[in-house]
Amino acid sequence: MNFLLQRRQTLVQNLKKASADAFLVTKPVNVTYLTGFTGEDSFYFGSAKNSIVISDTRFEEQIKE
């Protein structure tokens, strides 16, 4: 299994244990740790059903990957 996917899945499992609906990661170093995305000025939103990397258009191509 992809280690980045495993990290995100572990976070979602802990989210359920904490009875939370979603989380927002705001530090770029933590976004990179969870997703592999290395662009600056980025956020990661996650929930049990959805997840998304949020950044600006400078990193559009990298986000698609």
PDB file of N, CA and C in Angstrom:
ATOM      1  N   MET A   1       0.843  -1.181   0.000  1.00  0.00           N
ATOM      2  CA  MET A   1       0.000   0.000   0.000  1.00  0.00           C
ATOM      3  C   MET A   1       0.890   1.248   0.000  1.00  0.00           C
ATOM      4  N   ASN A   2       0.465   2.247  -0.678  1.00  0.00           N
ATOM      5  CA  ASN A   2       1.146   3.533  -0.748  1.00  0.00           C
ATOM      6  C   ASN A   2       1.236   4.128   0.663  1.00  0.00           C
ATOM      7  N   PHE A   3       2.442   4.504   1.093  1.00  0.00           N
ATOM      8  CA  PHE A   3       2.611   5.008   2.454  1.00  0.00           C
ATOM      9  C   PHE A   3       1.889   6.337   2.679  1.00  0.00           C
ATOM     10  N   LEU A   4       1.734   7.164   1.656  1.00  0.00           N
ATOM     11  CA  LEU A   4       0.989   8.415   1.808  1.00  0.00           C
ATOM     12  C   LEU A   4      -0.492   8.130   2.032  1.00  0.00           C
ATOM     13  N   LEU A   5      -1.035   7.199   1.270  1.00  0.00           N
ATOM     14  CA  LEU A   5      -2.424   6.806   1.442  1.00  0.00           C
ATOM     15  C   LEU A   5      -2.632   6.213   2.829  1.00  0.00           C
ATOM     16  N   GLN A   6      -1.700   5.418   3.281  1.00  0.00           N
ATOM     17  CA  GLN A   6      -1.800   4.807   4.610  1.00  0.00           C
ATOM     18  C   GLN A   6      -1.815   5.890   5.700  1.00  0.00           C
ATOM     19  N   ARG A   7      -1.005   6.912   5.560  1.00  0.00           N
ATOM     20  CA  ARG A   7      -0.998   8.009   6.532  1.00  0.00           C
ATOM     21  C   ARG A   7      -2.354   8.700   6.587  1.00  0.00           C
ATOM     22  N   ARG A   8      -2.932   8.957   5.406  1.00  0.00           N
ATOM     23  CA  ARG A   8      -4.231   9.629   5.362  1.00  0.00           C
ATOM     24  C   ARG A   8      -5.324   8.743   5.943  1.00  0.00           C
ATOM     25  N   GLN A   9      -5.266   7.453   5.656  1.00  0.00           N
ATOM     26  CA  GLN A   9      -6.264   6.527   6.192  1.00  0.00           C
ATOM     27  C   GLN A   9      -6.174   6.441   7.714  1.00  0.00           C
ATOM     28  N   THR A  10      -4.974   6.439   8.241  1.00  0.00           N
ATOM     29  CA  THR A  10      -4.787   6.430   9.694  1.00  0.00           C
ATOM     30  C   THR A  10      -5.379   7.685  10.313  1.00  0.00           C
ATOM     31  N   LEU A  11      -5.166   8.820   9.668  1.00  0.00           N
ATOM     32  CA  LEU A  11      -5.717  10.077  10.163  1.00  0.00           C
ATOM     33  C   LEU A  11      -7.246  10.037  10.163  1.00  0.00           C
ATOM     34  N   VAL A  12      -7.846   9.505   9.120  1.00  0.00           N
ATOM     35  CA  VAL A  12      -9.313   9.401   9.047  1.00  0.00           C
ATOM     36  C   VAL A  12      -9.832   8.454  10.129  1.00  0.00           C
ATOM     37  N   GLN A  13      -9.143   7.363  10.398  1.00  0.00           N
ATOM     38  CA  GLN A  13      -9.549   6.450  11.466  1.00  0.00           C
ATOM     39  C   GLN A  13      -9.524   7.163  12.813  1.00  0.00           C
ATOM     40  N   ASN A  14      -8.486   7.946  13.058  1.00  0.00           N
ATOM     41  CA  ASN A  14      -8.402   8.704  14.300  1.00  0.00           C
ATOM     42  C   ASN A  14      -9.467   9.784  14.366  1.00  0.00           C
ATOM     43  N   LEU A  15      -9.830  10.317  13.229  1.00  0.00           N
ATOM     44  CA  LEU A  15     -10.901  11.307  13.148  1.00  0.00           C
ATOM     45  C   LEU A  15     -12.209  10.694  13.641  1.00  0.00           C
ATOM     46  N   LYS A  16     -12.506   9.491  13.186  1.00  0.00           N
ATOM     47  CA  LYS A  16     -13.725   8.798  13.603  1.00  0.00           C
ATOM     48  C   LYS A  16     -13.708   8.529  15.099  1.00  0.00           C
ATOM     49  N   LYS A  17     -12.546   8.112  15.621  1.00  0.00           N
ATOM     50  CA  LYS A  17     -12.419   7.843  17.059  1.00  0.00           C
ATOM     51  C   LYS A  17     -12.665   9.100  17.881  1.00  0.00           C
ATOM     52  N   ALA A  18     -12.297  10.239  17.338  1.00  0.00           N
ATOM     53  CA  ALA A  18     -12.465  11.515  18.029  1.00  0.00           C
ATOM     54  C   ALA A  18     -13.855  12.111  17.807  1.00  0.00           C
ATOM     55  N   SER A  19     -14.702  11.409  17.068  1.00  0.00           N
ATOM     56  CA  SER A  19     -16.062  11.869  16.742  1.00  0.00           C
ATOM     57  C   SER A  19     -16.057  13.220  16.029  1.00  0.00           C
ATOM     58  N   ALA A  20     -15.055  13.429  15.204  1.00  0.00           N
ATOM     59  CA  ALA A  20     -14.975  14.661  14.413  1.00  0.00           C
ATOM     60  C   ALA A  20     -15.425  14.357  12.982  1.00  0.00           C
ATOM     61  N   ASP A  21     -15.903  15.370  12.303  1.00  0.00           N
ATOM     62  CA  ASP A  21     -16.402  15.196  10.939  1.00  0.00           C
ATOM     63  C   ASP A  21     -15.325  15.388   9.870  1.00  0.00           C
ATOM     64  N   ALA A  22     -14.392  16.291  10.145  1.00  0.00           N
ATOM     65  CA  ALA A  22     -13.381  16.628   9.136  1.00  0.00           C
ATOM     66  C   ALA A  22     -12.184  17.279   9.816  1.00  0.00           C
ATOM     67  N   PHE A  23     -11.128  17.478   9.019  1.00  0.00           N
ATOM     68  CA  PHE A  23      -9.946  18.156   9.528  1.00  0.00           C
ATOM     69  C   PHE A  23      -9.354  19.017   8.427  1.00  0.00           C
ATOM     70  N   LEU A  24      -8.584  20.011   8.835  1.00  0.00           N
ATOM     71  CA  LEU A  24      -7.906  20.901   7.905  1.00  0.00           C
ATOM     72  C   LEU A  24      -6.449  21.004   8.329  1.00  0.00           C
ATOM     73  N   VAL A  25      -5.546  20.653   7.425  1.00  0.00           N
ATOM     74  CA  VAL A  25      -4.111  20.743   7.669  1.00  0.00           C
ATOM     75  C   VAL A  25      -3.628  22.031   7.020  1.00  0.00           C
ATOM     76  N   THR A  26      -2.996  22.899   7.804  1.00  0.00           N
ATOM     77  CA  THR A  26      -2.618  24.221   7.300  1.00  0.00           C
ATOM     78  C   THR A  26      -1.122  24.436   7.160  1.00  0.00           C
ATOM     79  N   LYS A  27      -0.298  23.586   7.741  1.00  0.00           N
ATOM     80  CA  LYS A  27       1.151  23.731   7.597  1.00  0.00           C
ATOM     81  C   LYS A  27       1.615  22.965   6.367  1.00  0.00           C
ATOM     82  N   PRO A  28       2.278  23.631   5.428  1.00  0.00           N
ATOM     83  CA  PRO A  28       2.725  22.963   4.200  1.00  0.00           C
ATOM     84  C   PRO A  28       3.566  21.708   4.451  1.00  0.00           C
ATOM     85  N   VAL A  29       4.390  21.696   5.501  1.00  0.00           N
ATOM     86  CA  VAL A  29       5.207  20.511   5.778  1.00  0.00           C
ATOM     87  C   VAL A  29       4.321  19.314   6.124  1.00  0.00           C
ATOM     88  N   ASN A  30       3.207  19.563   6.794  1.00  0.00           N
ATOM     89  CA  ASN A  30       2.276  18.476   7.123  1.00  0.00           C
ATOM     90  C   ASN A  30       1.457  18.049   5.911  1.00  0.00           C
ATOM     91  N   VAL A  31       1.150  18.999   5.024  1.00  0.00           N
ATOM     92  CA  VAL A  31       0.476  18.662   3.768  1.00  0.00           C
ATOM     93  C   VAL A  31       1.375  17.739   2.951  1.00  0.00           C
ATOM     94  N   THR A  32       2.654  18.052   2.890  1.00  0.00           N
ATOM     95  CA  THR A  32       3.619  17.214   2.172  1.00  0.00           C
ATOM     96  C   THR A  32       3.690  15.831   2.804  1.00  0.00           C
ATOM     97  N   TYR A  33       3.716  15.756   4.125  1.00  0.00           N
ATOM     98  CA  TYR A  33       3.790  14.477   4.838  1.00  0.00           C
ATOM     99  C   TYR A  33       2.594  13.584   4.491  1.00  0.00           C
ATOM    100  N   LEU A  34       1.431  14.178   4.348  1.00  0.00           N
ATOM    101  CA  LEU A  34       0.221  13.396   4.079  1.00  0.00           C
ATOM    102  C   LEU A  34      -0.022  13.107   2.605  1.00  0.00           C
ATOM    103  N   THR A  35       0.444  13.999   1.727  1.00  0.00           N
ATOM    104  CA  THR A  35       0.060  13.882   0.320  1.00  0.00           C
ATOM    105  C   THR A  35       1.225  13.771  -0.662  1.00  0.00           C
ATOM    106  N   GLY A  36       2.402  14.208  -0.260  1.00  0.00           N
ATOM    107  CA  GLY A  36       3.524  14.258  -1.178  1.00  0.00           C
ATOM    108  C   GLY A  36       3.573  15.552  -1.976  1.00  0.00           C
ATOM    109  N   PHE A  37       2.564  16.396  -1.855  1.00  0.00           N
ATOM    110  CA  PHE A  37       2.521  17.680  -2.554  1.00  0.00           C
ATOM    111  C   PHE A  37       3.537  18.614  -1.920  1.00  0.00           C
ATOM    112  N   THR A  38       4.440  19.187  -2.720  1.00  0.00           N
ATOM    113  CA  THR A  38       5.520  20.008  -2.180  1.00  0.00           C
ATOM    114  C   THR A  38       5.359  21.500  -2.441  1.00  0.00           C
ATOM    115  N   GLY A  39       4.259  21.893  -3.041  1.00  0.00           N
ATOM    116  CA  GLY A  39       4.042  23.314  -3.304  1.00  0.00           C
ATOM    117  C   GLY A  39       3.814  24.081  -2.016  1.00  0.00           C
ATOM    118  N   GLU A  40       4.208  25.341  -2.035  1.00  0.00           N
ATOM    119  CA  GLU A  40       4.015  26.178  -0.851  1.00  0.00           C
ATOM    120  C   GLU A  40       2.592  26.709  -0.817  1.00  0.00           C
ATOM    121  N   ASP A  41       2.234  27.349   0.270  1.00  0.00           N
ATOM    122  CA  ASP A  41       0.902  27.947   0.420  1.00  0.00           C
ATOM    123  C   ASP A  41      -0.206  26.929   0.128  1.00  0.00           C
ATOM    124  N   SER A  42      -0.141  25.795   0.779  1.00  0.00           N
ATOM    125  CA  SER A  42      -1.119  24.752   0.505  1.00  0.00           C
ATOM    126  C   SER A  42      -1.831  24.322   1.782  1.00  0.00           C
ATOM    127  N   PHE A  43      -3.005  23.742   1.595  1.00  0.00           N
ATOM    128  CA  PHE A  43      -3.809  23.200   2.676  1.00  0.00           C
ATOM    129  C   PHE A  43      -4.300  21.821   2.253  1.00  0.00           C
ATOM    130  N   TYR A  44      -4.673  21.021   3.239  1.00  0.00           N
ATOM    131  CA  TYR A  44      -5.261  19.712   2.947  1.00  0.00           C
ATOM    132  C   TYR A  44      -6.510  19.566   3.796  1.00  0.00           C
ATOM    133  N   PHE A  45      -7.636  19.327   3.151  1.00  0.00           N
ATOM    134  CA  PHE A  45      -8.899  19.090   3.831  1.00  0.00           C
ATOM    135  C   PHE A  45      -9.224  17.615   3.705  1.00  0.00           C
ATOM    136  N   GLY A  46      -9.640  17.008   4.793  1.00  0.00           N
ATOM    137  CA  GLY A  46      -9.990  15.597   4.739  1.00  0.00           C
ATOM    138  C   GLY A  46     -11.188  15.274   5.607  1.00  0.00           C
ATOM    139  N   SER A  47     -11.930  14.276   5.173  1.00  0.00           N
ATOM    140  CA  SER A  47     -13.041  13.729   5.942  1.00  0.00           C
ATOM    141  C   SER A  47     -13.132  12.249   5.585  1.00  0.00           C
ATOM    142  N   ALA A  48     -14.083  11.553   6.160  1.00  0.00           N
ATOM    143  CA  ALA A  48     -14.235  10.129   5.877  1.00  0.00           C
ATOM    144  C   ALA A  48     -14.599   9.881   4.411  1.00  0.00           C
ATOM    145  N   LYS A  49     -15.225  10.851   3.769  1.00  0.00           N
ATOM    146  CA  LYS A  49     -15.700  10.656   2.397  1.00  0.00           C
ATOM    147  C   LYS A  49     -14.911  11.422   1.344  1.00  0.00           C
ATOM    148  N   ASN A  50     -14.290  12.533   1.721  1.00  0.00           N
ATOM    149  CA  ASN A  50     -13.629  13.391   0.736  1.00  0.00           C
ATOM    150  C   ASN A  50     -12.292  13.893   1.244  1.00  0.00           C
ATOM    151  N   SER A  51     -11.428  14.209   0.301  1.00  0.00           N
ATOM    152  CA  SER A  51     -10.178  14.887   0.645  1.00  0.00           C
ATOM    153  C   SER A  51      -9.752  15.726  -0.550  1.00  0.00           C
ATOM    154  N   ILE A  52      -9.048  16.819  -0.250  1.00  0.00           N
ATOM    155  CA  ILE A  52      -8.638  17.711  -1.319  1.00  0.00           C
ATOM    156  C   ILE A  52      -7.403  18.507  -0.892  1.00  0.00           C
ATOM    157  N   VAL A  53      -6.496  18.723  -1.838  1.00  0.00           N
ATOM    158  CA  VAL A  53      -5.362  19.620  -1.640  1.00  0.00           C
ATOM    159  C   VAL A  53      -5.785  20.974  -2.201  1.00  0.00           C
ATOM    160  N   ILE A  54      -5.556  22.019  -1.421  1.00  0.00           N
ATOM    161  CA  ILE A  54      -5.944  23.367  -1.821  1.00  0.00           C
ATOM    162  C   ILE A  54      -4.681  24.211  -1.945  1.00  0.00           C
ATOM    163  N   SER A  55      -4.507  24.845  -3.081  1.00  0.00           N
ATOM    164  CA  SER A  55      -3.361  25.719  -3.307  1.00  0.00           C
ATOM    165  C   SER A  55      -3.742  26.723  -4.389  1.00  0.00           C
ATOM    166  N   ASP A  56      -2.775  27.446  -4.874  1.00  0.00           N
ATOM    167  CA  ASP A  56      -3.082  28.405  -5.931  1.00  0.00           C
ATOM    168  C   ASP A  56      -2.700  27.846  -7.301  1.00  0.00           C
ATOM    169  N   THR A  57      -2.979  28.602  -8.331  1.00  0.00           N
ATOM    170  CA  THR A  57      -2.826  28.109  -9.704  1.00  0.00           C
ATOM    171  C   THR A  57      -1.385  27.855 -10.117  1.00  0.00           C
ATOM    172  N   ARG A  58      -0.415  28.364  -9.367  1.00  0.00           N
ATOM    173  CA  ARG A  58       0.993  28.083  -9.703  1.00  0.00           C
ATOM    174  C   ARG A  58       1.286  26.581  -9.649  1.00  0.00           C
ATOM    175  N   PHE A  59       0.521  25.857  -8.858  1.00  0.00           N
ATOM    176  CA  PHE A  59       0.791  24.450  -8.625  1.00  0.00           C
ATOM    177  C   PHE A  59      -0.278  23.533  -9.238  1.00  0.00           C
ATOM    178  N   GLU A  60      -1.015  24.047 -10.172  1.00  0.00           N
ATOM    179  CA  GLU A  60      -2.118  23.325 -10.788  1.00  0.00           C
ATOM    180  C   GLU A  60      -1.688  21.959 -11.349  1.00  0.00           C
ATOM    181  N   GLU A  61      -0.584  21.923 -12.058  1.00  0.00           N
ATOM    182  CA  GLU A  61      -0.104  20.677 -12.658  1.00  0.00           C
ATOM    183  C   GLU A  61       0.325  19.664 -11.591  1.00  0.00           C
ATOM    184  N   GLN A  62       1.024  20.144 -10.555  1.00  0.00           N
ATOM    185  CA  GLN A  62       1.466  19.236  -9.502  1.00  0.00           C
ATOM    186  C   GLN A  62       0.272  18.671  -8.730  1.00  0.00           C
ATOM    187  N   ILE A  63      -0.738  19.464  -8.499  1.00  0.00           N
ATOM    188  CA  ILE A  63      -1.924  18.986  -7.785  1.00  0.00           C
ATOM    189  C   ILE A  63      -2.613  17.886  -8.599  1.00  0.00           C
ATOM    190  N   LYS A  64      -2.669  18.031  -9.906  1.00  0.00           N
ATOM    191  CA  LYS A  64      -3.303  17.013 -10.752  1.00  0.00           C
ATOM    192  C   LYS A  64      -2.606  15.666 -10.625  1.00  0.00           C
ATOM    193  N   GLU A  65      -1.284  15.702 -10.446  1.00  0.00           N
ATOM    194  CA  GLU A  65      -0.515  14.461 -10.324  1.00  0.00           C
ATOM    195  C   GLU A  65      -0.852  13.791  -9.015  1.00  0.00           C
TER     196      GLU A  65
END
